[in-house]
Amino acid sequence: MSFLSYIHSAVYGVPTLVLIFSVFLILNFRTRFIGVRRIISAIRAVFEVKKEENGKSPLSSAFVSLSATVGTGNIVGVAGAVTLGGPGAVFWMWISALLAMTVKFCEIYLSSCYKKSGSVFGYIAAAMKSRNIITLFSAFGIIAAFGIGNLTQTNAAANAVSQFAVPLGIKPLYIHIVIGLIFSALSFMILKKESSSVKFCERILPLMAALYIIYCISAIFIRRTQIPAVFAQIFKGAVCPRAVTGGVIGSFFSAVKYGVSRGIFSNEAGIATAALAYEKNSAEPKTAALFGVFEVFVDTIIICTLTALVILSSGSAVYGKDFGSYTTLNAFAGIFGGKSVFPFCLIICFFAFSSVIGWGFYAARFSRGLKISPQITLVIYCLGCVAGAIFEAQSVWQIAEISSIFMMTVNCSSLLAHRKMLSYKKLG
């Protein structure tokens, strides 16, 4: 076992999952599951909000946040959850998403309440009674930006494109380098101006998400006769993975671990990134927080579920091994045929690049906590796309998940410290 794998297994062990679930449950019980209770209100708020020219509308913030969360985790991450945790991992992904709605609500609510004293940095410093913790949190944030928002995204895009280009006689290494260079150049052009980043997220994200949803629904419609059996596998596999994977995955813990970890990786609840996106919005705290509920609903309940249904209904999942984008591509190819390779590559590249832009926005914000120039951070961040395209996929995912746990430790501790503000009496 490599040193990185050893650290990853230690960080993502049973104690970590117990702590995550405990914090999520405490916040949900204190607010009486406000995320679940307010789903309809959240959806209504998105369609009723008025866009503002200065980009301070919570809808603009939602697009920035969603551009970071709706990425390859919805495609590659879900595929890994299914193949490593079995169909039951999807069930635990749903459970974590329902709990995550409240967590995101709380993050954005506190960020809005502490808008005048630093937003996310403000409520963390107030909870920990120290400004020094901001330096630590920001350092974790920069690492997470490179791991979650850059390396994993570019790597997934490069792997997907290589499947399309290798049959043409092009060496995979060349493909990965070209994708890395393209992502690096385009991300720098967009991220060097904050207003350009917001406009990109507002215009590209809705179209990208809509196309993928239509793509998935079309595939599911073709395999509609398999859907009842797929749901049976999900519910049965949630408690007894061995029964639906032929014994390849026999651990209940595997289903929970990969369902929860990949679900959190996808919707990013608990690591405070969404709260950064909303720090300048003009809405009152409770209204802004509803958009966090909407994000988790779209990201995990809708998009991740559709991906899982396509994979499971295709019957192409190979349990026990994580083939990343290959698993999802094979699922679509098995349903639509070989012609599905190109649109799949296009979609995954858009998803990946969207996350690169969203997390680049966050990287610039974290630079303030470290008191370094955002411009320098963004230059290094954009160049990181080249490294991400070349790195081994497993190492990239491990770096991303380790980073997210470090951020979650600081942020969730802060949320618990503010538990008096996060109660049913205060929030309703």
Protein backbone atom coordinates (compact mmCIF):
# COMPACT_ATOMS: atom_id res chain seq x y z
CA MET A 1 0.00 0.00 0.00
CA SER A 2 1.36 3.43 -0.98
CA PHE A 3 1.72 6.20 1.60
CA LEU A 4 -1.14 8.13 -0.05
CA SER A 5 -3.39 5.06 0.06
CA TYR A 6 -2.52 4.54 3.72
CA ILE A 7 -3.47 8.14 4.58
CA HIS A 8 -6.68 7.82 2.54
CA SER A 9 -7.77 4.60 4.24
CA ALA A 10 -7.07 6.13 7.66
CA VAL A 11 -8.96 9.35 6.90
CA TYR A 12 -11.90 7.62 5.25
CA GLY A 13 -12.39 4.91 7.85
CA VAL A 14 -15.34 3.99 10.06
CA PRO A 15 -14.71 6.78 12.62
CA THR A 16 -14.88 9.42 9.89
CA LEU A 17 -18.19 8.19 8.53
CA VAL A 18 -19.63 7.98 12.04
CA LEU A 19 -18.57 11.57 12.74
CA ILE A 20 -20.00 12.85 9.44
CA PHE A 21 -23.33 11.14 10.03
CA SER A 22 -23.39 12.34 13.63
CA VAL A 23 -22.88 15.99 12.70
CA PHE A 24 -25.39 15.78 9.86
CA LEU A 25 -27.96 14.14 12.14
CA ILE A 26 -27.47 16.65 14.96
CA LEU A 27 -28.06 19.58 12.60
CA ASN A 28 -31.09 17.87 11.09
CA PHE A 29 -32.65 17.07 14.46
CA ARG A 30 -32.03 20.59 15.77
CA THR A 31 -33.69 22.14 12.71
CA ARG A 32 -36.29 19.37 12.41
CA PHE A 33 -34.96 18.40 8.97
CA ILE A 34 -35.40 21.86 7.54
CA GLY A 35 -33.75 20.85 4.26
CA VAL A 36 -36.33 18.14 3.57
CA ARG A 37 -39.21 20.30 4.84
CA ARG A 38 -38.27 23.19 2.58
CA ILE A 39 -37.66 21.37 -0.73
CA ILE A 40 -40.81 22.78 -2.35
CA SER A 41 -40.06 26.27 -1.03
CA ALA A 42 -36.53 26.01 -2.41
CA ILE A 43 -37.72 25.06 -5.89
CA ARG A 44 -40.29 27.85 -5.80
CA ALA A 45 -37.65 30.38 -4.70
CA VAL A 46 -35.45 29.58 -7.70
CA PHE A 47 -38.24 30.32 -10.17
CA GLU A 48 -39.46 33.43 -8.35
CA VAL A 49 -36.14 35.19 -7.73
CA LYS A 50 -35.34 38.30 -9.76
CA LYS A 51 -31.94 38.51 -11.41
CA GLU A 52 -29.86 41.57 -10.53
CA GLU A 53 -27.48 43.32 -12.90
CA ASN A 54 -24.70 43.50 -10.31
CA GLY A 55 -24.55 39.71 -10.00
CA LYS A 56 -25.59 39.74 -6.33
CA SER A 57 -28.76 37.73 -6.87
CA PRO A 58 -28.85 34.39 -4.99
CA LEU A 59 -29.62 32.81 -8.36
CA SER A 60 -26.22 33.96 -9.68
CA SER A 61 -24.61 32.51 -6.56
CA ALA A 62 -26.52 29.27 -7.10
CA PHE A 63 -25.15 28.93 -10.62
CA VAL A 64 -21.58 29.50 -9.41
CA SER A 65 -22.03 26.93 -6.65
CA LEU A 66 -23.75 24.41 -8.91
CA SER A 67 -21.06 24.79 -11.55
CA ALA A 68 -18.58 23.55 -8.95
CA THR A 69 -20.77 20.74 -7.61
CA VAL A 70 -22.25 19.49 -10.89
CA GLY A 71 -19.12 17.91 -12.28
CA THR A 72 -17.56 14.54 -12.94
CA GLY A 73 -18.62 13.41 -9.48
CA ASN A 74 -22.11 13.09 -10.96
CA ILE A 75 -20.77 10.74 -13.65
CA VAL A 76 -17.45 9.23 -12.58
CA GLY A 77 -18.10 9.43 -8.83
CA VAL A 78 -21.47 7.71 -9.11
CA ALA A 79 -19.96 4.99 -11.29
CA GLY A 80 -17.32 4.35 -8.64
CA ALA A 81 -19.92 4.27 -5.88
CA VAL A 82 -21.96 1.65 -7.75
CA THR A 83 -19.06 -0.61 -8.75
CA LEU A 84 -17.24 -0.42 -5.39
CA GLY A 85 -20.24 -0.30 -3.07
CA GLY A 86 -22.84 -2.14 -5.15
CA PRO A 87 -26.32 -0.88 -6.12
CA GLY A 88 -27.07 -0.27 -2.43
CA ALA A 89 -24.58 2.61 -2.44
CA VAL A 90 -27.19 4.61 -4.35
CA PHE A 91 -29.60 4.28 -1.44
CA TRP A 92 -27.01 5.63 1.00
CA MET A 93 -26.22 8.39 -1.44
CA TRP A 94 -29.89 9.41 -1.22
CA ILE A 95 -29.83 9.32 2.57
CA SER A 96 -26.70 11.47 2.73
CA ALA A 97 -28.26 13.90 0.23
CA LEU A 98 -31.43 14.32 2.31
CA LEU A 99 -29.30 15.10 5.36
CA ALA A 100 -26.95 17.29 3.29
CA MET A 101 -29.81 19.60 2.31
CA THR A 102 -30.01 20.84 5.89
CA VAL A 103 -26.23 21.14 6.20
CA LYS A 104 -26.02 23.36 3.11
CA PHE A 105 -28.94 25.40 4.38
CA CYS A 106 -27.06 25.99 7.63
CA GLU A 107 -23.78 26.89 5.89
CA ILE A 108 -25.34 29.49 3.63
CA TYR A 109 -27.54 30.87 6.42
CA LEU A 110 -24.53 31.45 8.69
CA SER A 111 -22.46 32.86 5.83
CA SER A 112 -25.21 35.41 5.13
CA CYS A 113 -25.55 36.29 8.82
CA TYR A 114 -21.80 36.92 9.08
CA LYS A 115 -21.59 38.80 5.78
CA LYS A 116 -20.12 41.93 7.40
CA SER A 117 -17.40 40.04 9.27
CA GLY A 118 -16.06 37.79 6.55
CA SER A 119 -18.89 35.43 5.63
CA VAL A 120 -17.57 31.85 5.94
CA PHE A 121 -14.32 33.03 7.48
CA GLY A 122 -16.36 35.12 9.90
CA TYR A 123 -18.52 32.33 11.33
CA ILE A 124 -15.58 29.92 11.52
CA ALA A 125 -13.43 32.45 13.39
CA ALA A 126 -16.32 33.28 15.74
CA ALA A 127 -16.93 29.60 16.47
CA MET A 128 -13.29 28.71 17.04
CA LYS A 129 -12.50 31.96 18.91
CA SER A 130 -9.41 32.39 16.74
CA ARG A 131 -8.45 33.96 13.44
CA ASN A 132 -5.57 31.50 13.09
CA ILE A 133 -8.03 28.73 12.22
CA ILE A 134 -8.85 30.68 9.05
CA THR A 135 -5.30 30.14 7.82
CA LEU A 136 -5.63 26.39 8.35
CA PHE A 137 -9.06 26.24 6.73
CA SER A 138 -7.89 28.29 3.74
CA ALA A 139 -4.88 26.02 3.27
CA PHE A 140 -7.19 22.99 3.21
CA GLY A 141 -9.42 24.92 0.80
CA ILE A 142 -6.58 25.53 -1.65
CA ILE A 143 -5.63 21.84 -1.55
CA ALA A 144 -9.28 20.86 -2.06
CA ALA A 145 -9.58 23.27 -4.98
CA PHE A 146 -6.71 21.52 -6.71
CA GLY A 147 -7.92 18.04 -5.76
CA ILE A 148 -11.71 18.24 -6.12
CA GLY A 149 -12.10 21.08 -8.59
CA ASN A 150 -9.08 20.63 -10.81
CA LEU A 151 -7.20 17.33 -10.80
CA THR A 152 -10.18 14.96 -10.65
CA GLN A 153 -12.18 16.94 -13.20
CA THR A 154 -9.40 17.26 -15.80
CA ASN A 155 -8.39 13.64 -15.29
CA ALA A 156 -11.93 12.40 -15.92
CA ALA A 157 -12.27 14.54 -19.05
CA ALA A 158 -8.92 13.33 -20.42
CA ASN A 159 -9.83 9.68 -19.78
CA ALA A 160 -13.17 10.11 -21.53
CA VAL A 161 -11.68 11.81 -24.61
CA SER A 162 -8.93 9.20 -24.87
CA GLN A 163 -11.61 6.54 -25.35
CA PHE A 164 -12.87 8.45 -28.36
CA ALA A 165 -9.45 9.28 -29.83
CA VAL A 166 -7.39 6.11 -29.19
CA PRO A 167 -9.20 4.12 -31.92
CA LEU A 168 -8.00 6.82 -34.31
CA GLY A 169 -4.40 5.86 -33.57
CA ILE A 170 -3.56 8.74 -31.21
CA LYS A 171 -1.47 7.89 -28.14
CA PRO A 172 -3.33 8.37 -24.82
CA LEU A 173 -0.50 10.49 -23.33
CA TYR A 174 -0.80 13.00 -26.16
CA ILE A 175 -4.54 13.22 -25.64
CA HIS A 176 -4.16 13.83 -21.92
CA ILE A 177 -1.56 16.55 -22.46
CA VAL A 178 -3.71 18.31 -25.06
CA ILE A 179 -6.80 18.22 -22.84
CA GLY A 180 -4.75 19.56 -19.92
CA LEU A 181 -3.40 22.42 -22.02
CA ILE A 182 -6.85 23.31 -23.40
CA PHE A 183 -8.42 23.32 -19.92
CA SER A 184 -5.50 25.36 -18.58
CA ALA A 185 -5.73 28.06 -21.27
CA LEU A 186 -9.54 28.37 -21.28
CA SER A 187 -9.88 28.40 -17.49
CA PHE A 188 -7.30 31.17 -17.19
CA MET A 189 -9.11 33.27 -19.80
CA ILE A 190 -12.38 32.98 -17.87
CA LEU A 191 -11.14 33.09 -14.27
CA LYS A 192 -8.91 36.15 -14.62
CA LYS A 193 -12.08 38.26 -14.36
CA GLU A 194 -14.69 37.36 -11.72
CA SER A 195 -17.62 38.71 -13.74
CA SER A 196 -16.66 36.41 -16.62
CA SER A 197 -16.73 33.42 -14.26
CA VAL A 198 -20.24 34.29 -13.07
CA LYS A 199 -21.52 34.82 -16.63
CA PHE A 200 -20.02 31.52 -17.75
CA CYS A 201 -21.75 29.66 -14.92
CA GLU A 202 -25.09 31.37 -15.56
CA ARG A 203 -25.11 30.63 -19.29
CA ILE A 204 -23.43 27.23 -19.60
CA LEU A 205 -24.59 25.33 -16.51
CA PRO A 206 -28.38 25.26 -17.20
CA LEU A 207 -27.84 24.12 -20.79
CA MET A 208 -25.24 21.53 -19.82
CA ALA A 209 -27.37 20.04 -17.03
CA ALA A 210 -30.51 19.99 -19.20
CA LEU A 211 -28.73 18.15 -22.03
CA TYR A 212 -27.36 15.51 -19.67
CA ILE A 213 -30.73 15.00 -17.99
CA ILE A 214 -32.38 14.52 -21.40
CA TYR A 215 -29.57 12.13 -22.40
CA CYS A 216 -30.10 10.03 -19.26
CA ILE A 217 -33.90 10.04 -19.46
CA SER A 218 -33.71 8.85 -23.08
CA ALA A 219 -31.47 5.95 -22.06
CA ILE A 220 -33.70 5.07 -19.11
CA PHE A 221 -36.77 5.15 -21.33
CA ILE A 222 -35.18 2.60 -23.66
CA ARG A 223 -34.45 0.35 -20.65
CA ARG A 224 -37.68 1.21 -18.83
CA THR A 225 -38.62 -2.45 -18.35
CA GLN A 226 -35.46 -2.89 -16.24
CA ILE A 227 -36.14 0.03 -13.89
CA PRO A 228 -38.34 -1.84 -11.34
CA ALA A 229 -35.61 -4.49 -10.98
CA VAL A 230 -32.98 -1.75 -10.62
CA PHE A 231 -34.83 -0.15 -7.70
CA ALA A 232 -35.18 -3.59 -6.12
CA GLN A 233 -31.39 -4.02 -6.39
CA ILE A 234 -30.81 -0.62 -4.81
CA PHE A 235 -33.01 -1.27 -1.78
CA LYS A 236 -31.87 -4.85 -1.31
CA GLY A 237 -28.23 -3.97 -1.83
CA ALA A 238 -28.44 -1.21 0.79
CA VAL A 239 -28.58 -3.82 3.57
CA CYS A 240 -27.19 -6.90 1.83
CA PRO A 241 -24.74 -6.07 -1.00
CA ARG A 242 -23.69 -9.71 -1.37
CA ALA A 243 -27.19 -10.68 -2.52
CA VAL A 244 -27.08 -8.46 -5.63
CA THR A 245 -23.38 -8.51 -6.53
CA GLY A 246 -22.83 -12.24 -6.57
CA GLY A 247 -20.65 -12.03 -3.47
CA VAL A 248 -18.13 -9.68 -5.09
CA ILE A 249 -19.15 -6.97 -2.63
CA GLY A 250 -20.26 -8.53 0.62
CA SER A 251 -19.69 -5.70 3.07
CA PHE A 252 -22.54 -3.51 4.27
CA PHE A 253 -19.89 -0.94 5.19
CA SER A 254 -18.75 -0.75 1.55
CA ALA A 255 -22.22 0.25 0.42
CA VAL A 256 -22.45 2.94 3.11
CA LYS A 257 -18.88 4.17 2.67
CA TYR A 258 -18.96 4.69 -1.08
CA GLY A 259 -22.53 5.92 -1.15
CA VAL A 260 -21.89 8.57 1.50
CA SER A 261 -18.38 9.59 0.40
CA ARG A 262 -19.20 9.94 -3.30
CA GLY A 263 -22.49 11.65 -2.45
CA ILE A 264 -20.72 14.24 -0.32
CA PHE A 265 -18.01 14.61 -2.94
CA SER A 266 -20.72 15.38 -5.48
CA ASN A 267 -22.87 17.87 -3.54
CA GLU A 268 -20.01 19.23 -1.36
CA ALA A 269 -22.19 19.65 1.73
CA GLY A 270 -20.22 20.27 4.89
CA ILE A 271 -17.12 21.84 3.36
CA ALA A 272 -18.51 25.42 3.15
CA THR A 273 -17.78 26.05 -0.53
CA ALA A 274 -21.41 26.93 -1.30
CA ALA A 275 -21.33 29.48 1.50
CA LEU A 276 -18.42 31.19 -0.26
CA ALA A 277 -20.47 31.52 -3.43
CA TYR A 278 -23.30 33.23 -1.54
CA GLU A 279 -21.21 35.64 0.54
CA LYS A 280 -22.08 38.67 -1.65
CA ASN A 281 -25.70 37.88 -2.50
CA SER A 282 -28.36 40.43 -1.62
CA ALA A 283 -31.06 38.08 -0.28
CA GLU A 284 -31.91 37.76 3.39
CA PRO A 285 -30.25 34.73 5.09
CA LYS A 286 -33.20 32.32 5.16
CA THR A 287 -34.03 32.94 1.49
CA ALA A 288 -30.42 32.54 0.35
CA ALA A 289 -30.15 29.30 2.33
CA LEU A 290 -33.05 27.78 0.37
CA PHE A 291 -30.89 27.81 -2.74
CA GLY A 292 -28.48 25.43 -0.99
CA VAL A 293 -31.34 22.96 -0.56
CA PHE A 294 -32.14 23.29 -4.26
CA GLU A 295 -28.49 22.62 -5.19
CA VAL A 296 -28.34 19.30 -3.36
CA PHE A 297 -31.70 18.28 -4.80
CA VAL A 298 -30.56 18.92 -8.38
CA ASP A 299 -27.04 17.59 -7.97
CA THR A 300 -27.60 14.36 -6.06
CA ILE A 301 -31.30 13.48 -6.02
CA ILE A 302 -31.77 14.19 -9.75
CA ILE A 303 -28.48 14.04 -11.69
CA CYS A 304 -26.64 11.40 -9.62
CA THR A 305 -29.74 9.21 -9.51
CA LEU A 306 -30.19 9.38 -13.28
CA THR A 307 -26.56 8.35 -13.81
CA ALA A 308 -26.97 5.41 -11.43
CA LEU A 309 -30.16 4.25 -13.14
CA VAL A 310 -28.46 4.31 -16.55
CA ILE A 311 -25.51 2.26 -15.27
CA LEU A 312 -27.61 -0.31 -13.44
CA SER A 313 -30.25 -0.68 -16.16
CA SER A 314 -27.54 -1.27 -18.79
CA GLY A 315 -26.22 -4.29 -16.89
CA SER A 316 -22.62 -3.32 -17.72
CA ALA A 317 -21.35 -2.60 -14.19
CA VAL A 318 -18.31 -4.64 -13.14
CA TYR A 319 -18.40 -4.87 -9.35
CA GLY A 320 -15.27 -4.63 -7.26
CA LYS A 321 -13.31 -2.36 -9.61
CA ASP A 322 -13.50 1.37 -10.28
CA PHE A 323 -13.07 2.03 -14.00
CA GLY A 324 -14.20 5.64 -13.67
CA SER A 325 -15.70 7.16 -16.80
CA TYR A 326 -15.32 3.84 -18.65
CA THR A 327 -18.18 2.39 -16.60
CA THR A 328 -20.63 5.16 -17.50
CA LEU A 329 -19.49 5.26 -21.13
CA ASN A 330 -19.99 1.51 -21.48
CA ALA A 331 -23.47 1.89 -20.01
CA PHE A 332 -24.50 4.51 -22.58
CA ALA A 333 -22.77 2.60 -25.38
CA GLY A 334 -24.65 -0.55 -24.40
CA ILE A 335 -27.94 1.34 -24.69
CA PHE A 336 -27.35 3.75 -27.59
CA GLY A 337 -24.54 1.96 -29.42
CA GLY A 338 -21.08 3.17 -30.41
CA LYS A 339 -22.38 6.53 -31.61
CA SER A 340 -22.91 7.58 -27.99
CA VAL A 341 -19.16 7.94 -27.39
CA PHE A 342 -18.85 11.44 -28.85
CA PRO A 343 -21.80 13.07 -27.03
CA PHE A 344 -20.67 11.42 -23.79
CA CYS A 345 -17.16 12.84 -24.18
CA LEU A 346 -18.59 16.26 -24.91
CA ILE A 347 -20.86 16.17 -21.85
CA ILE A 348 -18.17 14.99 -19.45
CA CYS A 349 -15.76 17.66 -20.74
CA PHE A 350 -18.37 20.37 -20.12
CA PHE A 351 -19.12 18.97 -16.66
CA ALA A 352 -15.42 18.82 -15.80
CA PHE A 353 -14.64 22.30 -17.11
CA SER A 354 -17.63 23.74 -15.28
CA SER A 355 -16.23 22.43 -11.98
CA VAL A 356 -12.77 23.77 -12.81
CA ILE A 357 -14.29 27.25 -13.20
CA GLY A 358 -16.45 27.01 -10.07
CA TRP A 359 -13.56 25.81 -7.90
CA GLY A 360 -11.23 28.39 -9.44
CA PHE A 361 -13.65 30.98 -8.07
CA TYR A 362 -13.27 29.36 -4.64
CA ALA A 363 -9.47 29.13 -4.91
CA ALA A 364 -9.30 32.89 -5.35
CA ARG A 365 -11.45 33.33 -2.23
CA PHE A 366 -9.29 30.99 -0.15
CA SER A 367 -6.23 33.02 -1.15
CA ARG A 368 -7.53 35.85 1.01
CA GLY A 369 -7.39 33.64 4.10
CA LEU A 370 -3.75 32.86 3.33
CA LYS A 371 -3.03 36.51 2.46
CA ILE A 372 -1.59 35.65 -0.93
CA SER A 373 -2.40 37.14 -4.31
CA PRO A 374 -5.50 35.57 -5.95
CA GLN A 375 -3.86 36.16 -9.33
CA ILE A 376 -0.85 34.04 -8.41
CA THR A 377 -3.12 31.32 -7.05
CA LEU A 378 -5.21 31.26 -10.24
CA VAL A 379 -2.15 31.01 -12.49
CA ILE A 380 -0.89 27.97 -10.55
CA TYR A 381 -4.44 26.58 -10.37
CA CYS A 382 -4.93 26.78 -14.13
CA LEU A 383 -1.54 25.20 -14.82
CA GLY A 384 -2.61 22.37 -12.51
CA CYS A 385 -5.01 21.20 -15.21
CA VAL A 386 -2.04 19.78 -17.13
CA ALA A 387 -0.90 17.74 -14.13
CA GLY A 388 -4.47 16.59 -13.48
CA ALA A 389 -4.80 15.24 -17.00
CA ILE A 390 -1.67 13.11 -16.59
CA PHE A 391 -1.92 11.86 -12.99
CA GLU A 392 -3.18 8.37 -12.20
CA ALA A 393 -6.94 8.49 -11.59
CA GLN A 394 -6.88 6.63 -8.27
CA SER A 395 -4.30 8.98 -6.76
CA VAL A 396 -6.29 11.98 -7.93
CA TRP A 397 -9.50 10.75 -6.27
CA GLN A 398 -7.65 10.01 -3.02
CA ILE A 399 -6.17 13.52 -2.86
CA ALA A 400 -9.61 15.01 -3.47
CA GLU A 401 -11.34 12.97 -0.76
CA ILE A 402 -8.61 13.59 1.83
CA SER A 403 -8.84 17.34 1.19
CA SER A 404 -12.60 17.38 1.60
CA ILE A 405 -12.41 15.61 4.96
CA PHE A 406 -9.93 18.15 6.32
CA MET A 407 -12.22 21.04 5.29
CA MET A 408 -15.27 19.27 6.66
CA THR A 409 -13.62 18.81 10.05
CA VAL A 410 -13.10 22.55 10.50
CA ASN A 411 -16.43 23.64 9.03
CA CYS A 412 -18.65 21.07 10.76
CA SER A 413 -17.03 21.87 14.10
CA SER A 414 -17.97 25.50 13.46
CA LEU A 415 -21.55 24.60 12.56
CA LEU A 416 -21.94 22.68 15.82
CA ALA A 417 -20.52 25.62 17.76
CA HIS A 418 -23.26 27.81 16.24
CA ARG A 419 -25.97 25.29 17.07
CA LYS A 420 -27.98 27.88 19.05
CA MET A 421 -28.44 29.87 15.83
CA LEU A 422 -29.25 26.69 13.94
CA SER A 423 -32.38 25.56 15.72
CA TYR A 424 -36.04 25.13 14.85
CA LYS A 425 -36.97 28.10 17.07
CA LYS A 426 -34.62 30.38 15.13
CA LEU A 427 -35.18 29.06 11.60
CA GLY A 428 -38.80 27.87 11.75
